[in-house]
C-alpha atoms as a PDB file:
ATOM      1  CA  MET A   1     100.898 155.303 116.545  1.00  0.00           C
ATOM      2  CA  ARG A   2     100.904 154.049 113.163  1.00  0.00           C
ATOM      3  CA  LYS A   3     102.654 150.819 111.805  1.00  0.00           C
ATOM      4  CA  PRO A   4     105.694 151.776 110.914  1.00  0.00           C
ATOM      5  CA  GLU A   5     106.155 153.749 114.133  1.00  0.00           C
ATOM      6  CA  LEU A   6     105.421 150.658 115.993  1.00  0.00           C
ATOM      7  CA  ALA A   7     107.859 148.448 113.844  1.00  0.00           C
ATOM      8  CA  ALA A   8     110.193 151.181 114.769  1.00  0.00           C
ATOM      9  CA  ALA A   9     109.658 151.068 118.517  1.00  0.00           C
ATOM     10  CA  VAL A  10     109.790 147.507 118.202  1.00  0.00           C
ATOM     11  CA  ALA A  11     112.747 147.020 116.150  1.00  0.00           C
ATOM     12  CA  GLU A  12     114.735 149.138 118.777  1.00  0.00           C
ATOM     13  CA  LYS A  13     113.694 147.298 121.698  1.00  0.00           C
ATOM     14  CA  THR A  14     114.080 143.832 120.474  1.00  0.00           C
ATOM     15  CA  GLY A  15     117.051 144.064 118.333  1.00  0.00           C
ATOM     16  CA  LEU A  16     115.613 143.673 114.869  1.00  0.00           C
ATOM     17  CA  THR A  17     115.291 145.277 111.999  1.00  0.00           C
ATOM     18  CA  ARG A  18     112.462 148.147 111.054  1.00  0.00           C
ATOM     19  CA  ASP A  19     111.378 145.427 107.949  1.00  0.00           C
ATOM     20  CA  LYS A  20     111.607 142.652 110.191  1.00  0.00           C
ATOM     21  CA  ALA A  21     109.750 143.735 112.952  1.00  0.00           C
ATOM     22  CA  GLY A  22     107.085 145.140 110.675  1.00  0.00           C
ATOM     23  CA  GLU A  23     107.093 141.695 108.945  1.00  0.00           C
ATOM     24  CA  VAL A  24     106.322 140.443 112.887  1.00  0.00           C
ATOM     25  CA  ILE A  25     103.473 142.679 112.897  1.00  0.00           C
ATOM     26  CA  THR A  26     101.969 141.889 109.868  1.00  0.00           C
ATOM     27  CA  ALA A  27     102.056 138.000 110.925  1.00  0.00           C
ATOM     28  CA  VAL A  28     100.584 138.959 114.202  1.00  0.00           C
ATOM     29  CA  THR A  29      97.763 140.870 112.998  1.00  0.00           C
ATOM     30  CA  ASP A  30      97.080 138.382 110.578  1.00  0.00           C
ATOM     31  CA  GLN A  31      96.519 135.899 112.780  1.00  0.00           C
ATOM     32  CA  ILE A  32      93.934 137.846 114.794  1.00  0.00           C
ATOM     33  CA  SER A  33      92.403 138.229 111.629  1.00  0.00           C
ATOM     34  CA  ALA A  34      92.336 134.582 110.513  1.00  0.00           C
ATOM     35  CA  ALA A  35      90.961 133.830 114.124  1.00  0.00           C
ATOM     36  CA  ALA A  36      88.230 136.624 113.991  1.00  0.00           C
ATOM     37  CA  ALA A  37      87.346 134.662 110.711  1.00  0.00           C
ATOM     38  CA  ARG A  38      87.083 131.129 112.342  1.00  0.00           C
ATOM     39  CA  GLY A  39      84.743 133.416 115.097  1.00  0.00           C
ATOM     40  CA  GLU A  40      87.493 132.300 117.481  1.00  0.00           C
ATOM     41  CA  ASP A  41      88.626 134.865 120.402  1.00  0.00           C
ATOM     42  CA  THR A  42      92.525 135.889 120.489  1.00  0.00           C
ATOM     43  CA  THR A  43      93.558 136.768 124.040  1.00  0.00           C
ATOM     44  CA  LEU A  44      96.967 138.531 124.851  1.00  0.00           C
ATOM     45  CA  ILE A  45      97.325 138.266 128.599  1.00  0.00           C
ATOM     46  CA  GLY A  46      97.522 141.773 130.009  1.00  0.00           C
ATOM     47  CA  PHE A  47      96.890 143.475 126.777  1.00  0.00           C
ATOM     48  CA  GLY A  48      93.488 142.447 126.354  1.00  0.00           C
ATOM     49  CA  THR A  49      90.983 140.422 124.170  1.00  0.00           C
ATOM     50  CA  PHE A  50      89.398 140.533 120.504  1.00  0.00           C
ATOM     51  CA  ASN A  51      86.127 138.789 120.192  1.00  0.00           C
ATOM     52  CA  ILE A  52      83.461 138.286 117.683  1.00  0.00           C
ATOM     53  CA  ARG A  53      80.130 140.690 118.674  1.00  0.00           C
ATOM     54  CA  SER A  54      76.686 139.761 117.027  1.00  0.00           C
ATOM     55  CA  ARG A  55      74.628 142.621 116.364  1.00  0.00           C
ATOM     56  CA  GLU A  56      70.605 141.930 116.259  1.00  0.00           C
ATOM     57  CA  ALA A  57      68.796 142.947 113.340  1.00  0.00           C
ATOM     58  CA  ARG A  58      66.931 146.363 113.982  1.00  0.00           C
ATOM     59  CA  ASP A  59      64.944 149.041 112.272  1.00  0.00           C
ATOM     60  CA  GLY A  60      66.656 152.129 111.195  1.00  0.00           C
ATOM     61  CA  ARG A  61      65.759 155.503 109.377  1.00  0.00           C
ATOM     62  CA  ASN A  62      67.257 156.933 105.641  1.00  0.00           C
ATOM     63  CA  PRO A  63      68.419 160.291 107.166  1.00  0.00           C
ATOM     64  CA  GLN A  64      67.399 161.993 103.681  1.00  0.00           C
ATOM     65  CA  THR A  65      63.824 160.574 103.106  1.00  0.00           C
ATOM     66  CA  GLY A  66      63.416 159.865 106.648  1.00  0.00           C
ATOM     67  CA  ALA A  67      61.610 156.067 105.539  1.00  0.00           C
ATOM     68  CA  THR A  68      62.048 152.930 107.817  1.00  0.00           C
ATOM     69  CA  ILE A  69      64.744 150.539 106.636  1.00  0.00           C
ATOM     70  CA  ARG A  70      65.354 147.358 107.708  1.00  0.00           C
ATOM     71  CA  ILE A  71      69.560 146.771 109.068  1.00  0.00           C
ATOM     72  CA  PRO A  72      70.338 143.063 108.642  1.00  0.00           C
ATOM     73  CA  ALA A  73      72.047 141.388 112.003  1.00  0.00           C
ATOM     74  CA  SER A  74      75.287 141.661 111.768  1.00  0.00           C
ATOM     75  CA  LYS A  75      78.830 140.586 113.317  1.00  0.00           C
ATOM     76  CA  THR A  76      81.589 143.149 114.310  1.00  0.00           C
ATOM     77  CA  VAL A  77      85.326 142.731 116.220  1.00  0.00           C
ATOM     78  CA  GLY A  78      85.291 144.210 119.440  1.00  0.00           C
ATOM     79  CA  PHE A  79      87.929 144.409 121.979  1.00  0.00           C
ATOM     80  CA  LYS A  80      88.200 144.373 125.722  1.00  0.00           C
ATOM     81  CA  ALA A  81      91.269 145.692 127.071  1.00  0.00           C
ATOM     82  CA  GLY A  82      93.178 143.805 129.953  1.00  0.00           C
ATOM     83  CA  LYS A  83      94.066 144.946 133.279  1.00  0.00           C
ATOM     84  CA  ALA A  84      97.901 145.782 132.999  1.00  0.00           C
ATOM     85  CA  LEU A  85      96.343 147.975 130.050  1.00  0.00           C
ATOM     86  CA  LYS A  86      94.227 149.478 131.667  1.00  0.00           C
ATOM     87  CA  ASP A  87      95.948 150.112 135.029  1.00  0.00           C
ATOM     88  CA  SER A  88      99.011 151.744 132.190  1.00  0.00           C
ATOM     89  CA  ILE A  89      96.644 154.624 130.965  1.00  0.00           C
ATOM     90  CA  ARG A  90      95.415 155.496 134.565  1.00  0.00           C
END
């Protein structure tokens, strides 16, 4: 499901217009992104938790030359599904 389809489904369920539902979805994703940028977790009870995960620096290989390269440490966003979401797809 893409964002326009999600906005249409939210609009139908809530009685909002599609444009207003799209604005709400944008606001929610913007706030989740802002919290992640600050290093904070975002938990939506029953849905899941967005969190920041750290990756250690490690050695890798250049696939073209086979040379060893150093991959620096980095951070990424992770998602852990909540119980209600897990139960809904089983």
